[in-house]
Amino acid sequence: MRLFPLLLAILLAGCGVSETATVAATAGAAKAKEAEQAKAAPAQVQGKLDEAFKQAEQKREAAEGR
């Protein structure tokens, strides 16, 4: 009968370890996705700036009557 509480304690401890590993893996995946988005951000901003400059140039040319 002394073996039962020991087995129960081991099983419960194992659940905590696997839960911790799962949480760590999920957090790691979220950080990786965040890093990918951060890498793409400068290109997106540059694209928006280029588009704004094109629109401004078109408006300027239209105002000049070209």
N, C-alpha and C. Protein backbone atom coordinates (compact mmCIF):
# COMPACT_ATOMS: atom_id res chain seq x y z
N MET A 1 0.81 -1.21 0.00
CA MET A 1 0.00 0.00 0.00
C MET A 1 0.85 1.26 0.00
N ARG A 2 2.08 1.18 0.41
CA ARG A 2 2.93 2.37 0.42
C ARG A 2 3.31 2.77 -1.01
N LEU A 3 3.24 1.85 -1.91
CA LEU A 3 3.63 2.11 -3.28
C LEU A 3 2.61 3.00 -4.00
N PHE A 4 1.34 2.89 -3.66
CA PHE A 4 0.29 3.66 -4.32
C PHE A 4 0.48 5.17 -4.19
N PRO A 5 0.71 5.71 -3.00
CA PRO A 5 0.91 7.17 -2.90
C PRO A 5 2.15 7.63 -3.68
N LEU A 6 3.18 6.80 -3.70
CA LEU A 6 4.39 7.16 -4.43
C LEU A 6 4.11 7.21 -5.94
N LEU A 7 3.39 6.22 -6.45
CA LEU A 7 3.03 6.21 -7.87
C LEU A 7 2.13 7.39 -8.22
N LEU A 8 1.20 7.69 -7.34
CA LEU A 8 0.31 8.83 -7.57
C LEU A 8 1.11 10.13 -7.62
N ALA A 9 2.07 10.30 -6.73
CA ALA A 9 2.90 11.50 -6.71
C ALA A 9 3.73 11.61 -7.98
N ILE A 10 4.25 10.49 -8.45
CA ILE A 10 5.06 10.49 -9.68
C ILE A 10 4.20 10.86 -10.89
N LEU A 11 2.99 10.30 -10.96
CA LEU A 11 2.10 10.62 -12.06
C LEU A 11 1.72 12.09 -12.08
N LEU A 12 1.42 12.62 -10.91
CA LEU A 12 1.06 14.04 -10.85
C LEU A 12 2.24 14.94 -11.20
N ALA A 13 3.43 14.57 -10.78
CA ALA A 13 4.62 15.34 -11.12
C ALA A 13 4.87 15.29 -12.62
N GLY A 14 4.65 14.15 -13.23
CA GLY A 14 4.83 14.00 -14.67
C GLY A 14 3.88 14.88 -15.46
N CYS A 15 2.68 15.03 -14.99
CA CYS A 15 1.71 15.90 -15.67
C CYS A 15 2.18 17.35 -15.66
N GLY A 16 2.73 17.79 -14.57
CA GLY A 16 3.23 19.16 -14.47
C GLY A 16 4.39 19.40 -15.41
N VAL A 17 5.26 18.41 -15.54
CA VAL A 17 6.41 18.55 -16.43
C VAL A 17 5.96 18.64 -17.87
N SER A 18 5.03 17.79 -18.26
CA SER A 18 4.58 17.82 -19.65
C SER A 18 3.82 19.12 -19.94
N GLU A 19 3.07 19.62 -18.98
CA GLU A 19 2.35 20.88 -19.17
C GLU A 19 3.33 22.03 -19.33
N THR A 20 4.38 22.02 -18.53
CA THR A 20 5.40 23.07 -18.62
C THR A 20 6.08 23.03 -19.98
N ALA A 21 6.37 21.84 -20.47
CA ALA A 21 7.01 21.71 -21.78
C ALA A 21 6.08 22.21 -22.88
N THR A 22 4.80 21.91 -22.76
CA THR A 22 3.83 22.36 -23.75
C THR A 22 3.73 23.88 -23.76
N VAL A 23 3.69 24.47 -22.60
CA VAL A 23 3.61 25.94 -22.50
C VAL A 23 4.86 26.57 -23.09
N ALA A 24 6.02 25.99 -22.80
CA ALA A 24 7.27 26.53 -23.34
C ALA A 24 7.31 26.43 -24.86
N ALA A 25 6.83 25.33 -25.40
CA ALA A 25 6.81 25.17 -26.86
C ALA A 25 5.87 26.17 -27.50
N THR A 26 4.72 26.39 -26.90
CA THR A 26 3.76 27.35 -27.43
C THR A 26 4.33 28.76 -27.39
N ALA A 27 4.98 29.10 -26.29
CA ALA A 27 5.58 30.43 -26.17
C ALA A 27 6.69 30.60 -27.20
N GLY A 28 7.46 29.56 -27.43
CA GLY A 28 8.53 29.62 -28.43
C GLY A 28 7.97 29.83 -29.83
N ALA A 29 6.90 29.16 -30.14
CA ALA A 29 6.27 29.32 -31.47
C ALA A 29 5.74 30.74 -31.63
N ALA A 30 5.16 31.29 -30.58
CA ALA A 30 4.64 32.66 -30.65
C ALA A 30 5.77 33.66 -30.86
N LYS A 31 6.89 33.46 -30.19
CA LYS A 31 8.04 34.36 -30.35
C LYS A 31 8.61 34.26 -31.75
N ALA A 32 8.64 33.05 -32.32
CA ALA A 32 9.14 32.87 -33.68
C ALA A 32 8.26 33.61 -34.69
N LYS A 33 6.94 33.51 -34.50
CA LYS A 33 6.01 34.21 -35.39
C LYS A 33 6.18 35.72 -35.26
N GLU A 34 6.36 36.18 -34.04
CA GLU A 34 6.56 37.61 -33.79
C GLU A 34 7.84 38.10 -34.47
N ALA A 35 8.89 37.29 -34.43
CA ALA A 35 10.15 37.66 -35.07
C ALA A 35 9.99 37.74 -36.58
N GLU A 36 9.24 36.82 -37.16
CA GLU A 36 8.99 36.84 -38.60
C GLU A 36 8.24 38.12 -39.00
N GLN A 37 7.25 38.48 -38.20
CA GLN A 37 6.48 39.69 -38.49
C GLN A 37 7.36 40.93 -38.37
N ALA A 38 8.26 40.92 -37.40
CA ALA A 38 9.16 42.07 -37.22
C ALA A 38 10.11 42.20 -38.40
N LYS A 39 10.51 41.08 -38.98
CA LYS A 39 11.39 41.13 -40.14
C LYS A 39 10.66 41.70 -41.35
N ALA A 40 9.38 41.42 -41.47
CA ALA A 40 8.61 41.88 -42.62
C ALA A 40 8.17 43.34 -42.48
N ALA A 41 8.17 43.88 -41.30
CA ALA A 41 7.66 45.23 -41.07
C ALA A 41 8.38 46.32 -41.87
N PRO A 42 9.71 46.33 -41.92
CA PRO A 42 10.37 47.40 -42.69
C PRO A 42 9.99 47.39 -44.18
N ALA A 43 9.86 46.22 -44.77
CA ALA A 43 9.49 46.14 -46.17
C ALA A 43 8.07 46.66 -46.39
N GLN A 44 7.19 46.37 -45.45
CA GLN A 44 5.81 46.85 -45.56
C GLN A 44 5.76 48.37 -45.46
N VAL A 45 6.52 48.92 -44.53
CA VAL A 45 6.55 50.38 -44.36
C VAL A 45 7.12 51.03 -45.62
N GLN A 46 8.20 50.45 -46.16
CA GLN A 46 8.81 51.01 -47.36
C GLN A 46 7.83 50.98 -48.53
N GLY A 47 7.07 49.90 -48.64
CA GLY A 47 6.07 49.81 -49.70
C GLY A 47 4.99 50.87 -49.57
N LYS A 48 4.57 51.12 -48.34
CA LYS A 48 3.56 52.16 -48.11
C LYS A 48 4.12 53.54 -48.43
N LEU A 49 5.38 53.77 -48.07
CA LEU A 49 6.00 55.06 -48.38
C LEU A 49 6.13 55.26 -49.88
N ASP A 50 6.54 54.21 -50.59
CA ASP A 50 6.67 54.31 -52.04
C ASP A 50 5.32 54.64 -52.68
N GLU A 51 4.27 53.99 -52.21
CA GLU A 51 2.94 54.24 -52.74
C GLU A 51 2.50 55.68 -52.47
N ALA A 52 2.79 56.17 -51.27
CA ALA A 52 2.42 57.54 -50.92
C ALA A 52 3.17 58.54 -51.80
N PHE A 53 4.45 58.28 -52.06
CA PHE A 53 5.22 59.17 -52.93
C PHE A 53 4.68 59.16 -54.35
N LYS A 54 4.28 57.99 -54.84
CA LYS A 54 3.70 57.90 -56.19
C LYS A 54 2.41 58.71 -56.28
N GLN A 55 1.57 58.57 -55.26
CA GLN A 55 0.31 59.31 -55.26
C GLN A 55 0.55 60.81 -55.20
N ALA A 56 1.52 61.22 -54.39
CA ALA A 56 1.83 62.64 -54.30
C ALA A 56 2.35 63.17 -55.64
N GLU A 57 3.17 62.38 -56.30
CA GLU A 57 3.70 62.79 -57.61
C GLU A 57 2.57 62.91 -58.64
N GLN A 58 1.64 61.96 -58.61
CA GLN A 58 0.51 62.01 -59.54
C GLN A 58 -0.36 63.24 -59.28
N LYS A 59 -0.59 63.55 -58.02
CA LYS A 59 -1.38 64.74 -57.68
C LYS A 59 -0.67 66.01 -58.12
N ARG A 60 0.66 66.03 -57.95
CA ARG A 60 1.43 67.21 -58.35
C ARG A 60 1.37 67.40 -59.86
N GLU A 61 1.52 66.28 -60.59
CA GLU A 61 1.47 66.37 -62.04
C GLU A 61 0.08 66.80 -62.51
N ALA A 62 -0.95 66.31 -61.85
CA ALA A 62 -2.32 66.69 -62.22
C ALA A 62 -2.54 68.18 -61.95
N ALA A 63 -1.99 68.66 -60.87
CA ALA A 63 -2.13 70.07 -60.53
C ALA A 63 -1.39 70.96 -61.51
N GLU A 64 -0.30 70.47 -62.07
CA GLU A 64 0.47 71.24 -63.04
C GLU A 64 -0.15 71.16 -64.44
N GLY A 65 -1.10 70.27 -64.60
CA GLY A 65 -1.78 70.17 -65.89
C GLY A 65 -1.11 69.25 -66.88
N ARG A 66 -0.35 68.29 -66.41
CA ARG A 66 0.32 67.36 -67.33
C ARG A 66 -0.55 66.23 -67.70
